[in-house]
Amino acid sequence: MAIPGFEIGIIGAGDMGMLYARRFKQAGYTVNICDTPERYGELVAKHSSLGINILRDGYAVSRRSDYIVYSVPAVTIGKIVEEYGRATKVGAIVAGQTSVKTPEIEAFEAHLPEDVDIVTCHSMHGPNIDTKGQPLAVIRHRSSDAQYARALEVLGALESRMIFLTYEEHDRITADTQAATHLSFISLGTAWSYQGYHPWLNPQFISGINNVKVAMALRIYASKWHVYAGLAIMNPLAKKQLQCFVDSMTDLYKHMVAGKKQEFRDLVYKAADFIFGKDRNHKKILLDDDILDQLSLSQVPKEMSRANSHLSLLSAAVCWYRMGMSPYDNLICQTPPFRMWLGIVEYLFCNKEMLE
C-alpha cells in the first residue's frame, strides 16, 4: 500500500526508469518522470496512457517528489545530479539506479542539499525481468531512522529481495560478480567476430555448456552498452579483477602454445582445489547435458561437435584463485549472467573427464 500523499520522482525514462515507474504506479503511488527535454513530446505520446506524470525536466521532478530516483547511466550521473540536485525538495529522499555506486555517491555528496536524505538502491537484473523476488541492493548512506523506514516502505513496492550493503560493499561484489563475467562473454563475441563465424555454425559451440556461452553472450550484446561500460570503467574495484582475468588467460595461453603441459595442469588444478575442493562430486548449479542441448541455436548435429578448450572458463577459475575469492560467497548478489557463468565453470571442473 502506498504512503498517502507521497510522490515518487524518476529522472531518466529509459528501460529501467520505466520499469520502476510502472511498478510504483501499480502500488498506488503518484509517479513523476522525465528524460532529456527533447524527449518530452515522445514520452507524452508513448506513455501518457500509463497514468504517470510526464514532466519536462529534472527540475520539475525534483521540486515536487518525495523519493527521487536517478535512473541514468553511471557515466553521466555526476553531470545530471549537478544540474538537477539543487532543485531537490526539502526533506526528500534521493536514490540512484546506477550499477556502480562510487561515482553516484560522490555526485550526491557534492551536489545535493544537506537537508536531503540518501537511501540508494540497485536492482541487480535487467529491465525485461520482473522485480518481484529479484535481488535489490539497498544502501543507507545518509538518513534518519524515520526516513530510512520510509525509503524501505517505498522500495517494498518492488517486491524484491532486499540486500543491505554499504556502497563500498556493493561495488566490491559487483566487481567480483559482474565485471569479469561480462568481459568473458564480450570477449567470446569479439573472438567470433574476428574469426568471421557465427558460433551456432561452428562445431566447437553446438553442445552442452557451449550453448550457455552462446546464449549469454548474445543476451549481453543485445543489452545497452552503458550498463556494461559502467561496470567495467566506472567501478574502481573492477579494474584489478579485470586485469587478473586477462593475466590468467594470457598465462594459460602461453603454457598452451609453449607446450608446457605440466605447468598448465598445475595452475588449473590449484584453482580447482581452491574453489571447488578436492572432492568435486557435489550437486551442480546447472542442468545436465541433455537439457543444455535443448538450448542450442545450432542445426549442426551434436555428433559433429568438436572439442573446445574452454579457455575462458579455465581463466575465470584461475582468476578467482589468484584473487583469493570464492565465487559462492557472492551468490547473495547474484545476477543471471553470473549464476550461469559460475554454473558452467562448476560444470566443467566437476566433470573429471571433460576437465582432463
Protein backbone atom coordinates (compact mmCIF):
# COMPACT_ATOMS: atom_id res chain seq x y z
CA MET A 1 0.00 0.00 0.00
CA ALA A 2 1.33 3.42 -0.97
CA ILE A 3 2.26 6.07 1.60
CA PRO A 4 -0.58 8.66 1.41
CA GLY A 5 0.43 11.84 -0.42
CA PHE A 6 3.94 10.51 -1.14
CA GLU A 7 5.18 11.13 -4.68
CA ILE A 8 7.88 9.18 -6.49
CA GLY A 9 10.17 11.00 -8.93
CA ILE A 10 12.23 9.27 -11.60
CA ILE A 11 14.87 11.16 -13.58
CA GLY A 12 15.61 9.07 -16.64
CA ALA A 13 12.88 7.35 -18.64
CA GLY A 14 14.97 4.57 -20.08
CA ASP A 15 14.12 0.90 -19.74
CA MET A 16 14.85 0.66 -16.00
CA GLY A 17 13.26 4.03 -15.28
CA MET A 18 10.04 2.94 -16.96
CA LEU A 19 10.13 -0.42 -15.16
CA TYR A 20 10.25 1.43 -11.84
CA ALA A 21 7.55 3.88 -12.94
CA ARG A 22 5.15 1.05 -13.76
CA ARG A 23 5.81 -0.82 -10.52
CA PHE A 24 5.38 2.24 -8.31
CA LYS A 25 2.24 3.28 -10.18
CA GLN A 26 0.79 -0.22 -9.72
CA ALA A 27 1.48 0.11 -5.99
CA GLY A 28 -0.67 3.24 -5.87
CA TYR A 29 1.97 5.99 -5.87
CA THR A 30 1.86 9.24 -7.80
CA VAL A 31 4.79 8.94 -10.19
CA ASN A 32 6.60 11.87 -11.80
CA ILE A 33 9.08 11.06 -14.57
CA CYS A 34 11.23 12.89 -17.08
CA ASP A 35 14.03 12.34 -19.54
CA THR A 36 16.01 14.85 -21.57
CA PRO A 37 13.82 17.86 -22.51
CA GLU A 38 13.91 16.97 -26.21
CA ARG A 39 12.25 13.62 -25.45
CA TYR A 40 9.28 15.20 -23.66
CA GLY A 41 6.88 15.02 -26.63
CA GLU A 42 7.92 11.45 -27.41
CA LEU A 43 7.32 10.34 -23.82
CA VAL A 44 3.90 12.00 -23.68
CA ALA A 45 2.85 10.30 -26.91
CA LYS A 46 4.19 6.92 -25.81
CA HIS A 47 3.38 6.73 -22.11
CA SER A 48 0.56 9.17 -21.29
CA SER A 49 -1.92 6.28 -21.01
CA LEU A 50 0.01 4.82 -18.04
CA GLY A 51 -1.35 7.42 -15.64
CA ILE A 52 2.05 8.78 -14.66
CA ASN A 53 3.03 12.45 -14.69
CA ILE A 54 5.45 13.07 -17.55
CA LEU A 55 7.35 16.27 -16.82
CA ARG A 56 9.71 18.34 -18.94
CA ASP A 57 12.92 18.02 -16.95
CA GLY A 58 14.61 17.04 -13.71
CA TYR A 59 13.86 20.39 -12.10
CA ALA A 60 10.12 19.73 -12.35
CA VAL A 61 10.55 16.21 -10.97
CA SER A 62 12.91 17.19 -8.14
CA ARG A 63 10.89 20.09 -6.73
CA ARG A 64 7.70 18.06 -6.13
CA SER A 65 8.81 14.46 -5.45
CA ASP A 66 9.40 12.89 -2.02
CA TYR A 67 11.52 9.94 -3.20
CA ILE A 68 13.67 10.68 -6.24
CA VAL A 69 15.47 8.01 -8.28
CA TYR A 70 18.20 8.99 -10.73
CA SER A 71 17.85 6.22 -13.33
CA VAL A 72 20.69 7.31 -15.58
CA PRO A 73 23.98 5.77 -16.81
CA ALA A 74 26.89 5.78 -14.37
CA VAL A 75 28.98 7.71 -16.88
CA THR A 76 26.58 10.69 -16.73
CA ILE A 77 25.37 10.62 -13.11
CA GLY A 78 27.73 13.39 -11.97
CA LYS A 79 26.65 15.86 -14.64
CA ILE A 80 22.93 15.16 -14.17
CA VAL A 81 22.95 15.43 -10.36
CA GLU A 82 24.97 18.64 -10.65
CA GLU A 83 22.25 20.04 -12.91
CA TYR A 84 19.12 18.98 -11.00
CA GLY A 85 20.26 18.28 -7.45
CA ARG A 86 19.86 21.90 -6.37
CA ALA A 87 16.11 21.66 -7.05
CA THR A 88 15.57 18.71 -4.70
CA LYS A 89 12.54 19.13 -2.46
CA VAL A 90 13.35 19.89 1.18
CA GLY A 91 13.26 16.68 3.20
CA ALA A 92 13.18 14.40 0.16
CA ILE A 93 14.97 11.06 -0.09
CA VAL A 94 17.27 10.56 -3.08
CA ALA A 95 18.42 7.32 -4.70
CA GLY A 96 20.21 6.23 -7.84
CA GLN A 97 19.77 3.20 -10.04
CA THR A 98 23.31 3.08 -11.40
CA SER A 99 25.22 -0.18 -11.49
CA VAL A 100 28.28 1.45 -9.86
CA LYS A 101 27.77 3.33 -6.62
CA THR A 102 31.08 5.14 -6.01
CA PRO A 103 30.56 7.87 -8.67
CA GLU A 104 26.89 8.07 -7.72
CA ILE A 105 27.60 8.68 -4.02
CA GLU A 106 30.31 11.18 -4.91
CA ALA A 107 27.82 13.09 -7.06
CA PHE A 108 25.17 13.04 -4.32
CA GLU A 109 27.58 14.27 -1.68
CA ALA A 110 28.85 17.06 -3.94
CA HIS A 111 25.55 18.37 -5.32
CA LEU A 112 22.61 17.52 -3.06
CA PRO A 113 21.48 19.90 -0.29
CA GLU A 114 22.30 18.85 3.27
CA ASP A 115 18.60 18.62 4.18
CA VAL A 116 18.16 15.70 1.79
CA ASP A 117 18.47 12.03 2.79
CA ILE A 118 20.28 9.45 0.66
CA VAL A 119 18.98 5.87 0.57
CA THR A 120 20.01 4.46 -2.76
CA CYS A 121 19.43 1.14 -4.48
CA HIS A 122 20.32 -1.15 -7.37
CA SER A 123 18.02 -3.72 -8.92
CA MET A 124 20.50 -6.39 -9.96
CA HIS A 125 18.69 -7.54 -13.08
CA GLY A 126 17.70 -6.19 -16.46
CA PRO A 127 14.60 -4.19 -17.41
CA ASN A 128 12.88 -7.15 -19.05
CA ILE A 129 12.75 -9.10 -15.79
CA ASP A 130 10.01 -8.58 -13.20
CA THR A 131 11.36 -7.02 -10.00
CA LYS A 132 9.44 -9.50 -7.81
CA GLY A 133 11.81 -11.81 -5.97
CA GLN A 134 14.92 -10.40 -7.67
CA PRO A 135 17.94 -9.11 -5.66
CA LEU A 136 17.74 -5.42 -4.75
CA ALA A 137 20.78 -3.82 -3.13
CA VAL A 138 19.70 -1.17 -0.60
CA ILE A 139 22.30 1.32 0.61
CA ARG A 140 21.64 3.61 3.56
CA HIS A 141 24.19 6.35 3.10
CA ARG A 142 22.73 9.40 4.86
CA SER A 143 19.35 9.31 6.54
CA SER A 144 17.38 9.49 9.77
CA ASP A 145 15.74 6.35 11.08
CA ALA A 146 12.32 7.68 10.07
CA GLN A 147 13.37 8.49 6.52
CA TYR A 148 15.15 5.16 6.17
CA ALA A 149 12.00 3.33 7.22
CA ARG A 150 10.04 5.38 4.69
CA ALA A 151 12.52 4.52 1.93
CA LEU A 152 12.23 0.80 2.72
CA GLU A 153 8.46 1.06 2.57
CA VAL A 154 8.68 2.69 -0.86
CA LEU A 155 11.16 0.11 -2.19
CA GLY A 156 8.94 -2.62 -0.79
CA ALA A 157 6.56 -1.87 -3.67
CA LEU A 158 9.06 -3.57 -5.99
CA GLU A 159 8.59 -6.84 -4.05
CA SER A 160 12.30 -7.57 -4.49
CA ARG A 161 14.63 -9.47 -2.18
CA MET A 162 16.45 -6.70 -0.34
CA ILE A 163 20.17 -6.99 0.41
CA PHE A 164 21.59 -4.36 2.75
CA LEU A 165 25.08 -3.11 1.89
CA THR A 166 27.36 -0.10 2.02
CA TYR A 167 28.23 1.42 -1.33
CA GLU A 168 31.79 0.11 -1.00
CA GLU A 169 30.49 -3.44 -0.40
CA HIS A 170 28.17 -3.09 -3.37
CA ASP A 171 30.95 -2.08 -5.73
CA ARG A 172 33.26 -4.85 -4.49
CA ILE A 173 30.59 -7.51 -5.03
CA THR A 174 29.57 -6.20 -8.45
CA ALA A 175 33.25 -6.11 -9.43
CA ASP A 176 33.53 -9.75 -8.36
CA THR A 177 30.27 -10.96 -9.89
CA GLN A 178 29.75 -8.83 -12.97
CA ALA A 179 32.84 -7.12 -14.39
CA ALA A 180 34.93 -10.18 -15.30
CA THR A 181 31.79 -12.21 -16.06
CA HIS A 182 30.65 -9.73 -18.66
CA LEU A 183 34.18 -9.34 -20.03
CA SER A 184 34.31 -13.10 -20.54
CA PHE A 185 31.13 -13.17 -22.61
CA ILE A 186 32.04 -9.99 -24.52
CA SER A 187 35.49 -11.40 -25.34
CA LEU A 188 33.84 -14.51 -26.77
CA GLY A 189 31.77 -12.33 -29.09
CA THR A 190 34.87 -10.37 -30.11
CA ALA A 191 36.70 -13.60 -30.91
CA TRP A 192 33.80 -14.89 -33.04
CA SER A 193 33.72 -11.58 -34.90
CA TYR A 194 37.47 -11.56 -35.57
CA GLN A 195 37.35 -15.15 -36.82
CA GLY A 196 34.37 -14.38 -39.02
CA TYR A 197 31.83 -17.00 -37.99
CA HIS A 198 28.57 -17.38 -36.11
CA PRO A 199 29.08 -19.69 -33.12
CA TRP A 200 25.95 -21.73 -33.78
CA LEU A 201 27.52 -22.78 -37.11
CA ASN A 202 30.83 -23.78 -35.52
CA PRO A 203 31.10 -27.40 -34.31
CA GLN A 204 33.04 -26.17 -31.25
CA PHE A 205 29.95 -24.35 -29.92
CA ILE A 206 26.99 -26.64 -30.57
CA SER A 207 26.56 -28.75 -27.45
CA GLY A 208 26.41 -28.75 -23.66
CA ILE A 209 27.80 -25.76 -21.81
CA ASN A 210 28.81 -24.14 -25.11
CA ASN A 211 25.12 -23.42 -25.66
CA VAL A 212 25.11 -21.39 -22.45
CA LYS A 213 28.14 -19.41 -23.61
CA VAL A 214 26.44 -18.51 -26.87
CA ALA A 215 23.09 -17.66 -25.28
CA MET A 216 24.59 -15.45 -22.57
CA ALA A 217 26.95 -13.67 -24.97
CA LEU A 218 24.01 -12.84 -27.24
CA ARG A 219 22.00 -11.68 -24.22
CA ILE A 220 24.72 -9.22 -23.22
CA TYR A 221 25.28 -7.97 -26.76
CA ALA A 222 21.54 -7.32 -27.04
CA SER A 223 21.62 -5.01 -24.00
CA LYS A 224 22.56 -1.36 -23.83
CA TRP A 225 26.29 -0.65 -23.92
CA HIS A 226 26.39 1.78 -20.99
CA VAL A 227 25.38 -0.90 -18.45
CA TYR A 228 28.49 -2.96 -19.10
CA ALA A 229 30.75 0.02 -19.76
CA GLY A 230 29.76 1.45 -16.39
CA LEU A 231 30.54 -1.81 -14.59
CA ALA A 232 33.94 -2.10 -16.22
CA ILE A 233 35.06 1.51 -16.50
CA MET A 234 33.40 3.38 -13.63
CA ASN A 235 33.85 0.82 -10.85
CA PRO A 236 37.29 1.47 -9.30
CA LEU A 237 37.32 -2.04 -7.81
CA ALA A 238 36.68 -3.78 -11.13
CA LYS A 239 40.00 -2.88 -12.74
CA LYS A 240 42.03 -5.20 -10.50
CA GLN A 241 39.85 -8.20 -11.29
CA LEU A 242 39.69 -7.44 -15.00
CA GLN A 243 43.48 -7.26 -15.13
CA CYS A 244 43.74 -10.51 -13.17
CA PHE A 245 41.35 -12.23 -15.59
CA VAL A 246 43.34 -11.04 -18.60
CA ASP A 247 46.64 -12.07 -16.99
CA SER A 248 45.23 -15.51 -16.11
CA MET A 249 44.04 -16.11 -19.67
CA THR A 250 47.38 -14.91 -21.06
CA ASP A 251 49.38 -17.21 -18.77
CA LEU A 252 47.25 -20.24 -19.64
CA TYR A 253 47.53 -19.46 -23.33
CA LYS A 254 51.31 -19.11 -23.10
CA HIS A 255 51.53 -22.53 -21.44
CA MET A 256 49.37 -23.97 -24.24
CA VAL A 257 51.39 -22.63 -27.16
CA ALA A 258 54.71 -23.41 -25.42
CA GLY A 259 53.64 -26.99 -24.79
CA LYS A 260 54.09 -26.63 -21.02
CA LYS A 261 51.51 -29.24 -20.14
CA GLN A 262 52.54 -29.75 -16.51
CA GLU A 263 52.60 -26.01 -15.72
CA PHE A 264 49.19 -25.64 -17.35
CA ARG A 265 47.81 -28.60 -15.42
CA ASP A 266 49.25 -27.46 -12.08
CA LEU A 267 47.72 -23.99 -12.40
CA VAL A 268 44.29 -25.34 -13.37
CA TYR A 269 44.21 -27.87 -10.54
CA LYS A 270 45.34 -25.33 -7.94
CA ALA A 271 42.34 -23.22 -8.95
CA ALA A 272 40.07 -26.27 -8.92
CA ASP A 273 41.11 -27.36 -5.42
CA PHE A 274 40.82 -23.81 -4.05
CA ILE A 275 37.32 -23.12 -5.39
CA PHE A 276 35.62 -26.50 -5.52
CA GLY A 277 37.67 -28.62 -3.11
CA LYS A 278 39.37 -31.92 -3.80
CA ASP A 279 36.04 -33.78 -3.71
CA ARG A 280 34.10 -32.25 -6.59
CA ASN A 281 31.17 -34.62 -6.66
CA HIS A 282 28.69 -32.17 -5.14
CA LYS A 283 25.47 -31.06 -6.78
CA LYS A 284 25.77 -28.91 -9.89
CA ILE A 285 24.15 -25.49 -10.21
CA LEU A 286 23.11 -26.10 -13.78
CA LEU A 287 21.26 -28.88 -15.57
CA ASP A 288 22.63 -31.95 -17.27
CA ASP A 289 23.89 -32.16 -20.85
CA ASP A 290 20.60 -33.40 -22.29
CA ILE A 291 18.78 -30.32 -21.01
CA LEU A 292 21.60 -27.97 -22.04
CA ASP A 293 21.48 -29.35 -25.57
CA GLN A 294 17.87 -28.16 -25.82
CA LEU A 295 19.17 -24.58 -25.57
CA SER A 296 21.17 -24.95 -28.76
CA LEU A 297 20.68 -22.47 -31.62
CA SER A 298 22.60 -24.75 -33.97
CA GLN A 299 21.23 -27.00 -36.69
CA VAL A 300 24.52 -28.89 -36.77
CA PRO A 301 24.09 -32.41 -35.34
CA LYS A 302 25.60 -32.95 -31.89
CA GLU A 303 27.61 -35.88 -33.27
CA MET A 304 29.62 -33.39 -35.34
CA SER A 305 30.70 -31.32 -32.32
CA ARG A 306 34.41 -30.77 -31.77
CA ALA A 307 36.41 -30.30 -28.59
CA ASN A 308 36.59 -26.82 -27.10
CA SER A 309 39.50 -25.62 -24.96
CA HIS A 310 37.11 -23.71 -22.64
CA LEU A 311 39.98 -21.27 -22.06
CA SER A 312 37.60 -18.55 -20.86
CA LEU A 313 36.17 -20.85 -18.16
CA LEU A 314 39.61 -22.02 -17.02
CA SER A 315 40.76 -18.39 -16.89
CA ALA A 316 37.82 -17.42 -14.69
CA ALA A 317 38.71 -20.11 -12.15
CA VAL A 318 42.39 -19.17 -12.15
CA CYS A 319 41.43 -15.51 -11.69
CA TRP A 320 39.26 -16.35 -8.65
CA TYR A 321 42.06 -18.49 -7.22
CA ARG A 322 44.69 -15.78 -7.66
CA MET A 323 42.44 -13.17 -6.06
CA GLY A 324 41.68 -15.50 -3.16
CA MET A 325 37.91 -15.18 -3.62
CA SER A 326 35.23 -17.82 -3.59
CA PRO A 327 32.52 -17.07 -6.17
CA TYR A 328 29.99 -18.84 -3.94
CA ASP A 329 30.36 -16.07 -1.33
CA ASN A 330 28.91 -13.60 -3.83
CA LEU A 331 25.75 -15.51 -4.68
CA ILE A 332 24.00 -13.16 -2.23
CA CYS A 333 24.01 -10.58 -5.06
CA GLN A 334 23.90 -12.97 -7.96
CA THR A 335 22.79 -11.85 -11.38
CA PRO A 336 21.56 -14.25 -14.08
CA PRO A 337 24.82 -13.98 -16.12
CA PHE A 338 26.98 -14.60 -13.03
CA ARG A 339 24.96 -17.60 -11.90
CA MET A 340 25.13 -19.07 -15.39
CA TRP A 341 28.87 -18.33 -15.60
CA LEU A 342 29.58 -19.93 -12.23
CA GLY A 343 27.34 -22.82 -13.20
CA ILE A 344 29.23 -23.68 -16.38
CA VAL A 345 32.62 -23.20 -14.69
CA GLU A 346 31.49 -25.57 -11.95
CA TYR A 347 30.10 -27.99 -14.55
CA LEU A 348 33.49 -28.11 -16.28
CA PHE A 349 35.56 -28.50 -13.11
CA CYS A 350 33.27 -31.09 -11.56
CA ASN A 351 33.32 -33.27 -14.68
CA LYS A 352 36.66 -35.04 -14.47
CA GLU A 353 36.53 -36.43 -18.00
CA MET A 354 35.73 -33.05 -19.53
CA LEU A 355 38.36 -31.23 -17.43
CA GLU A 356 41.06 -33.70 -18.42
